[in-house]
């Protein structure tokens, strides 16, 4: 691998880590003066169009998607971006950005659950421990220090529902016939979601012509960041998937929450949850065990067996 390729991979990792970790803060800024589904509509229409144009110019669309593949993209886009990302975007009108990101960090745990229910995939003991630890961490993060009932506000339940919807579509996506190129498939999802949200917003909010004059500069910058840099991060992610081991690429799930936490508490002036110090480590440990637990256990067992069968100095 050349130095240029290594540098490109490093830049892609930095982009995925920082940009995806900062999107929650950008969403929080955007929905301050822009209605949530206008944010979703404008973000994904622009971002999806940029990705689709990139795919077209680079010859990735060959052949053109079939109607079945387009419908599959629309179906997944609905649960991933309209319900999944949409509920989280709406919730961030009230929920702190870092708290939303930490809850979303538990997505691999929810995916394991849906893999079991929808596909019948077995949950190993290590992953079962990861689920218990991760969900315990989420529960501590969401606890407001008063009572469980008062902690589960409608906005918090929206975040949890958004994570569940994203995990459901992620698990189900393995059983659908989608376009062979993941970047083309994602751009179709984004365009559908963007246009659907813009049309739906006409029935939920005032016309866009009335909304735009009230948009603050931070909200406008947040929306532009989501549309432009969010698309760039997704392109970087796809490059890493093609050139790096998957186990290394998914490390973003451990880094993104930390980035979001720092941005929310430092720049967003958000208040830390009462049990943040206890909940954050449990969430990260749960995600780590879900992603790397089984592989780490196999390596540990292999080392133990190697030492057990290694000749001692006396026998040598």
Protein backbone atom coordinates (compact mmCIF):
# COMPACT_ATOMS: atom_id res chain seq x y z
CA UNK A 1 0.00 0.00 0.00
CA UNK A 2 1.42 3.38 -1.01
CA UNK A 3 1.80 6.38 1.29
CA UNK A 4 -0.97 8.19 -0.60
CA UNK A 5 -3.36 5.27 -0.02
CA UNK A 6 -2.48 5.09 3.67
CA UNK A 7 -3.03 8.84 4.00
CA UNK A 8 -6.39 8.57 2.24
CA UNK A 9 -7.51 5.79 4.59
CA UNK A 10 -6.42 7.85 7.60
CA UNK A 11 -8.38 10.87 6.32
CA UNK A 12 -11.43 8.66 5.76
CA UNK A 13 -11.27 7.39 9.34
CA UNK A 14 -10.95 10.92 10.70
CA UNK A 15 -13.90 12.02 8.55
CA UNK A 16 -16.16 9.19 9.74
CA UNK A 17 -15.13 9.63 13.38
CA UNK A 18 -15.46 13.40 13.56
CA UNK A 19 -18.29 14.11 11.10
CA UNK A 20 -20.63 11.33 12.19
CA UNK A 21 -19.88 12.12 15.81
CA UNK A 22 -20.74 15.77 15.24
CA UNK A 23 -23.99 15.27 13.29
CA UNK A 24 -26.02 15.13 16.50
CA UNK A 25 -24.77 18.56 17.50
CA UNK A 26 -25.51 19.83 13.97
CA UNK A 27 -29.06 18.41 14.17
CA UNK A 28 -29.56 20.18 17.50
CA UNK A 29 -28.50 23.47 15.93
CA UNK A 30 -30.62 22.95 12.81
CA UNK A 31 -33.92 22.14 14.56
CA UNK A 32 -33.59 25.20 16.78
CA UNK A 33 -35.27 27.35 14.10
CA UNK A 34 -36.06 24.89 11.28
CA UNK A 35 -38.94 22.38 11.62
CA UNK A 36 -37.50 18.84 11.93
CA UNK A 37 -38.90 17.33 8.74
CA UNK A 38 -37.78 20.33 6.73
CA UNK A 39 -34.31 19.58 8.11
CA UNK A 40 -34.64 15.95 7.01
CA UNK A 41 -36.08 16.90 3.62
CA UNK A 42 -33.48 19.52 2.74
CA UNK A 43 -30.60 17.52 4.19
CA UNK A 44 -31.26 14.28 2.35
CA UNK A 45 -32.51 15.78 -0.91
CA UNK A 46 -29.31 17.78 -1.29
CA UNK A 47 -27.00 15.11 0.14
CA UNK A 48 -28.61 12.30 -1.86
CA UNK A 49 -28.45 14.31 -5.09
CA UNK A 50 -24.75 14.98 -4.56
CA UNK A 51 -24.07 11.28 -3.96
CA UNK A 52 -26.16 10.19 -6.94
CA UNK A 53 -24.39 12.69 -9.21
CA UNK A 54 -21.04 11.42 -7.95
CA UNK A 55 -22.09 7.83 -8.68
CA UNK A 56 -23.27 8.79 -12.17
CA UNK A 57 -20.08 10.70 -13.05
CA UNK A 58 -17.83 7.88 -11.78
CA UNK A 59 -19.72 5.18 -13.69
CA UNK A 60 -21.01 3.33 -10.62
CA UNK A 61 -24.57 3.19 -12.02
CA UNK A 62 -24.23 0.29 -14.43
CA UNK A 63 -26.81 -1.00 -15.11
CA UNK A 64 -29.54 1.35 -13.94
CA UNK A 65 -31.48 0.09 -10.88
CA UNK A 66 -34.57 -2.01 -11.49
CA UNK A 67 -37.95 -1.02 -10.06
CA UNK A 68 -37.58 -3.79 -7.47
CA UNK A 69 -34.26 -2.31 -6.32
CA UNK A 70 -35.74 1.20 -6.22
CA UNK A 71 -38.67 -0.01 -4.11
CA UNK A 72 -36.28 -1.82 -1.74
CA UNK A 73 -34.28 1.39 -1.35
CA UNK A 74 -37.48 3.34 -0.60
CA UNK A 75 -38.61 0.73 1.94
CA UNK A 76 -35.29 0.75 3.80
CA UNK A 77 -35.03 4.52 3.54
CA UNK A 78 -38.41 4.88 5.21
CA UNK A 79 -37.39 2.91 8.31
CA UNK A 80 -33.76 4.04 8.39
CA UNK A 81 -34.09 7.74 7.71
CA UNK A 82 -37.72 8.84 8.01
CA UNK A 83 -38.64 6.84 11.11
CA UNK A 84 -35.15 6.17 12.48
CA UNK A 85 -33.34 9.44 11.87
CA UNK A 86 -36.62 11.37 11.76
CA UNK A 87 -37.70 10.48 15.30
CA UNK A 88 -34.26 11.38 16.62
CA UNK A 89 -34.31 14.70 14.76
CA UNK A 90 -37.73 15.55 16.21
CA UNK A 91 -36.61 14.45 19.69
CA UNK A 92 -33.54 16.70 19.62
CA UNK A 93 -35.84 19.68 19.94
CA UNK A 94 -35.94 18.67 23.62
CA UNK A 95 -33.26 16.00 24.14
CA UNK A 96 -29.59 16.98 24.46
CA UNK A 97 -27.55 16.00 21.40
CA UNK A 98 -24.96 14.01 23.36
CA UNK A 99 -27.70 11.99 25.10
CA UNK A 100 -29.26 11.10 21.75
CA UNK A 101 -25.87 10.02 20.38
CA UNK A 102 -25.11 7.83 23.41
CA UNK A 103 -28.48 6.11 23.03
CA UNK A 104 -27.85 5.57 19.32
CA UNK A 105 -24.49 4.01 20.23
CA UNK A 106 -26.48 1.01 21.45
CA UNK A 107 -27.70 0.31 17.89
CA UNK A 108 -25.58 -2.88 17.51
CA UNK A 109 -27.38 -4.26 20.56
CA UNK A 110 -30.78 -3.63 18.99
CA UNK A 111 -29.55 -5.14 15.70
CA UNK A 112 -28.59 -8.35 17.52
CA UNK A 113 -32.13 -8.55 18.89
CA UNK A 114 -33.76 -8.12 15.47
CA UNK A 115 -31.28 -10.56 13.90
CA UNK A 116 -32.56 -13.13 16.36
CA UNK A 117 -36.25 -12.35 15.80
CA UNK A 118 -36.23 -11.83 12.01
CA UNK A 119 -33.42 -14.08 10.83
CA UNK A 120 -33.14 -16.57 13.69
CA UNK A 121 -29.48 -15.76 14.23
CA UNK A 122 -28.20 -17.21 17.47
CA UNK A 123 -27.10 -14.84 20.22
CA UNK A 124 -23.90 -16.06 21.84
CA UNK A 125 -23.20 -15.76 25.54
CA UNK A 126 -20.74 -12.91 24.91
CA UNK A 127 -23.35 -10.96 22.93
CA UNK A 128 -26.00 -11.67 25.55
CA UNK A 129 -23.71 -10.13 28.16
CA UNK A 130 -23.13 -7.19 25.81
CA UNK A 131 -26.88 -6.65 25.47
CA UNK A 132 -27.42 -6.67 29.24
CA UNK A 133 -24.46 -4.34 29.92
CA UNK A 134 -25.31 -1.96 27.07
CA UNK A 135 -28.99 -1.66 27.94
CA UNK A 136 -28.11 -1.11 31.59
CA UNK A 137 -25.87 1.74 30.50
CA UNK A 138 -28.64 3.27 28.38
CA UNK A 139 -31.06 3.01 31.30
CA UNK A 140 -28.61 4.84 33.58
CA UNK A 141 -28.07 7.56 30.97
CA UNK A 142 -31.78 8.17 30.53
CA UNK A 143 -32.53 8.22 34.27
CA UNK A 144 -33.16 11.81 35.33
CA UNK A 145 -32.46 11.23 39.01
CA UNK A 146 -36.12 11.38 40.09
CA UNK A 147 -38.12 8.37 38.87
CA UNK A 148 -38.20 5.91 35.98
CA UNK A 149 -41.63 7.12 34.83
CA UNK A 150 -40.57 10.76 34.65
CA UNK A 151 -37.33 9.77 32.86
CA UNK A 152 -39.20 8.17 29.95
CA UNK A 153 -40.47 11.38 28.40
CA UNK A 154 -42.08 11.35 24.91
CA UNK A 155 -38.86 12.79 23.45
CA UNK A 156 -36.72 10.06 25.05
CA UNK A 157 -39.12 7.39 23.79
CA UNK A 158 -38.77 8.92 20.30
CA UNK A 159 -34.99 8.44 20.46
CA UNK A 160 -35.39 4.81 21.55
CA UNK A 161 -38.01 4.27 18.83
CA UNK A 162 -35.69 5.78 16.23
CA UNK A 163 -32.85 3.46 17.27
CA UNK A 164 -35.20 0.45 17.14
CA UNK A 165 -36.42 1.41 13.65
CA UNK A 166 -32.86 1.86 12.38
CA UNK A 167 -31.86 -1.52 13.82
CA UNK A 168 -34.96 -3.19 12.34
CA UNK A 169 -34.16 -1.91 8.85
CA UNK A 170 -30.47 -2.79 9.24
CA UNK A 171 -31.34 -6.38 10.11
CA UNK A 172 -34.05 -6.68 7.46
CA UNK A 173 -31.79 -5.16 4.82
CA UNK A 174 -29.85 -8.42 4.59
CA UNK A 175 -32.97 -10.17 3.25
CA UNK A 176 -33.97 -7.60 0.61
CA UNK A 177 -32.74 -7.47 -2.96
CA UNK A 178 -31.00 -4.11 -3.17
CA UNK A 179 -28.80 -2.50 -5.82
CA UNK A 180 -25.31 -4.01 -5.96
CA UNK A 181 -23.50 -0.73 -5.26
CA UNK A 182 -24.13 0.42 -1.68
CA UNK A 183 -23.37 4.06 -2.49
CA UNK A 184 -25.95 4.13 -5.30
CA UNK A 185 -28.45 2.37 -3.05
CA UNK A 186 -27.87 4.89 -0.26
CA UNK A 187 -28.22 7.86 -2.59
CA UNK A 188 -31.60 6.51 -3.77
CA UNK A 189 -32.71 6.12 -0.15
CA UNK A 190 -31.68 9.68 0.65
CA UNK A 191 -33.40 11.22 -2.39
CA UNK A 192 -36.65 9.36 -1.67
CA UNK A 193 -36.57 10.32 2.01
CA UNK A 194 -35.72 13.94 1.20
CA UNK A 195 -38.52 14.41 -1.31
CA UNK A 196 -41.04 12.50 0.85
CA UNK A 197 -40.19 14.67 3.86
CA UNK A 198 -40.41 17.91 1.89
CA UNK A 199 -43.84 16.96 0.58
CA UNK A 200 -45.03 15.87 4.02
CA UNK A 201 -43.74 19.08 5.58
CA UNK A 202 -46.23 21.05 3.50
CA UNK A 203 -49.00 19.49 5.59
CA UNK A 204 -47.21 19.81 8.94
CA UNK A 205 -45.60 23.24 8.87
CA UNK A 206 -45.94 26.66 7.24
CA UNK A 207 -44.67 26.91 3.63
CA UNK A 208 -40.90 26.90 3.23
CA UNK A 209 -41.08 30.48 1.94
CA UNK A 210 -42.35 31.53 5.39
CA UNK A 211 -39.86 29.37 7.31
CA UNK A 212 -36.66 30.48 5.59
CA UNK A 213 -36.77 34.13 6.75
CA UNK A 214 -36.90 32.94 10.38
CA UNK A 215 -33.91 30.60 10.12
CA UNK A 216 -30.96 31.59 12.31
CA UNK A 217 -27.36 31.44 11.12
CA UNK A 218 -26.43 28.52 13.44
CA UNK A 219 -29.43 26.53 12.12
CA UNK A 220 -28.50 27.27 8.51
CA UNK A 221 -24.88 26.22 9.13
CA UNK A 222 -26.05 23.06 10.91
CA UNK A 223 -28.26 22.11 7.97
CA UNK A 224 -25.50 22.80 5.43
CA UNK A 225 -23.07 20.73 7.50
CA UNK A 226 -25.49 17.78 7.58
CA UNK A 227 -26.13 17.90 3.84
CA UNK A 228 -22.55 18.41 2.63
CA UNK A 229 -20.23 16.87 5.20
CA UNK A 230 -22.69 14.13 6.07
CA UNK A 231 -22.58 12.98 2.44
CA UNK A 232 -18.78 13.21 2.45
CA UNK A 233 -18.63 11.05 5.57
CA UNK A 234 -20.85 8.43 3.98
CA UNK A 235 -18.58 8.32 0.91
CA UNK A 236 -15.56 7.92 3.24
CA UNK A 237 -17.36 5.11 5.08
CA UNK A 238 -18.01 3.25 1.83
CA UNK A 239 -14.35 3.62 0.82
CA UNK A 240 -13.26 2.13 4.15
CA UNK A 241 -15.69 -0.78 3.80
CA UNK A 242 -14.05 -1.62 0.46
CA UNK A 243 -10.43 -1.26 1.64
CA UNK A 244 -10.34 -1.98 5.37
CA UNK A 245 -11.38 -4.89 7.65
CA UNK A 246 -14.99 -4.50 8.80
CA UNK A 247 -13.98 -5.05 12.44
CA UNK A 248 -11.78 -1.97 12.23
CA UNK A 249 -14.27 0.18 10.33
CA UNK A 250 -17.09 -0.31 12.87
CA UNK A 251 -14.86 1.25 15.53
CA UNK A 252 -16.70 4.48 14.68
CA UNK A 253 -19.50 3.21 16.96
CA UNK A 254 -17.12 3.62 19.91
CA UNK A 255 -15.65 6.98 18.85
CA UNK A 256 -18.75 8.87 17.65
CA UNK A 257 -20.45 9.02 21.09
CA UNK A 258 -17.33 10.52 22.66
CA UNK A 259 -17.12 13.21 19.96
CA UNK A 260 -20.83 14.01 20.38
CA UNK A 261 -20.44 14.13 24.16
CA UNK A 262 -17.61 16.65 23.99
CA UNK A 263 -19.41 18.86 21.47
CA UNK A 264 -22.69 18.79 23.38
CA UNK A 265 -21.20 19.58 26.79
CA UNK A 266 -18.52 22.05 25.66
CA UNK A 267 -20.01 23.89 22.66
CA UNK A 268 -23.70 23.18 23.18
CA UNK A 269 -23.70 24.10 26.86
CA UNK A 270 -25.77 20.97 27.55
CA UNK A 271 -26.21 19.60 31.06
CA UNK A 272 -24.70 16.20 31.90
CA UNK A 273 -27.12 13.45 32.90
CA UNK A 274 -27.09 12.61 36.64
CA UNK A 275 -25.63 9.12 36.06
CA UNK A 276 -23.49 9.96 32.99
CA UNK A 277 -20.26 8.76 34.65
CA UNK A 278 -21.80 5.35 35.28
CA UNK A 279 -23.87 4.96 32.12
CA UNK A 280 -21.30 6.02 29.50
CA UNK A 281 -18.71 3.30 30.34
CA UNK A 282 -21.41 0.61 30.36
CA UNK A 283 -22.71 1.65 26.94
CA UNK A 284 -19.20 1.68 25.45
CA UNK A 285 -18.31 -1.66 27.07
CA UNK A 286 -21.53 -3.19 25.76
CA UNK A 287 -20.86 -1.94 22.22
CA UNK A 288 -17.23 -3.14 22.41
CA UNK A 289 -18.31 -6.62 23.50
CA UNK A 290 -20.93 -6.70 20.75
CA UNK A 291 -18.41 -5.75 18.06
CA UNK A 292 -15.20 -7.38 19.28
CA UNK A 293 -16.09 -9.64 22.23
CA UNK A 294 -16.23 -12.96 20.41
CA UNK A 295 -13.06 -12.29 18.40
CA UNK A 296 -11.20 -11.19 21.55
CA UNK A 297 -12.34 -14.33 23.39
CA UNK A 298 -11.14 -16.56 20.53
CA UNK A 299 -7.72 -14.88 20.53
CA UNK A 300 -7.49 -15.26 24.32
CA UNK A 301 -8.38 -18.97 24.11
CA UNK A 302 -5.85 -19.48 21.31
CA UNK A 303 -3.09 -17.88 23.39
CA UNK A 304 -4.04 -19.96 26.42
CA UNK A 305 -3.90 -23.20 24.41
CA UNK A 306 -0.61 -22.18 22.85
CA UNK A 307 0.94 -21.59 26.26
CA UNK A 308 -0.51 -24.84 27.60
CA UNK A 309 1.07 -26.88 24.79
CA UNK A 310 4.33 -24.97 24.69
CA UNK A 311 7.31 -27.05 25.93
CA UNK A 312 8.69 -25.99 29.31
CA UNK A 313 12.38 -25.28 29.84
CA UNK A 314 12.82 -28.57 31.77
CA UNK A 315 11.25 -30.73 29.06
CA UNK A 316 13.25 -28.91 26.43
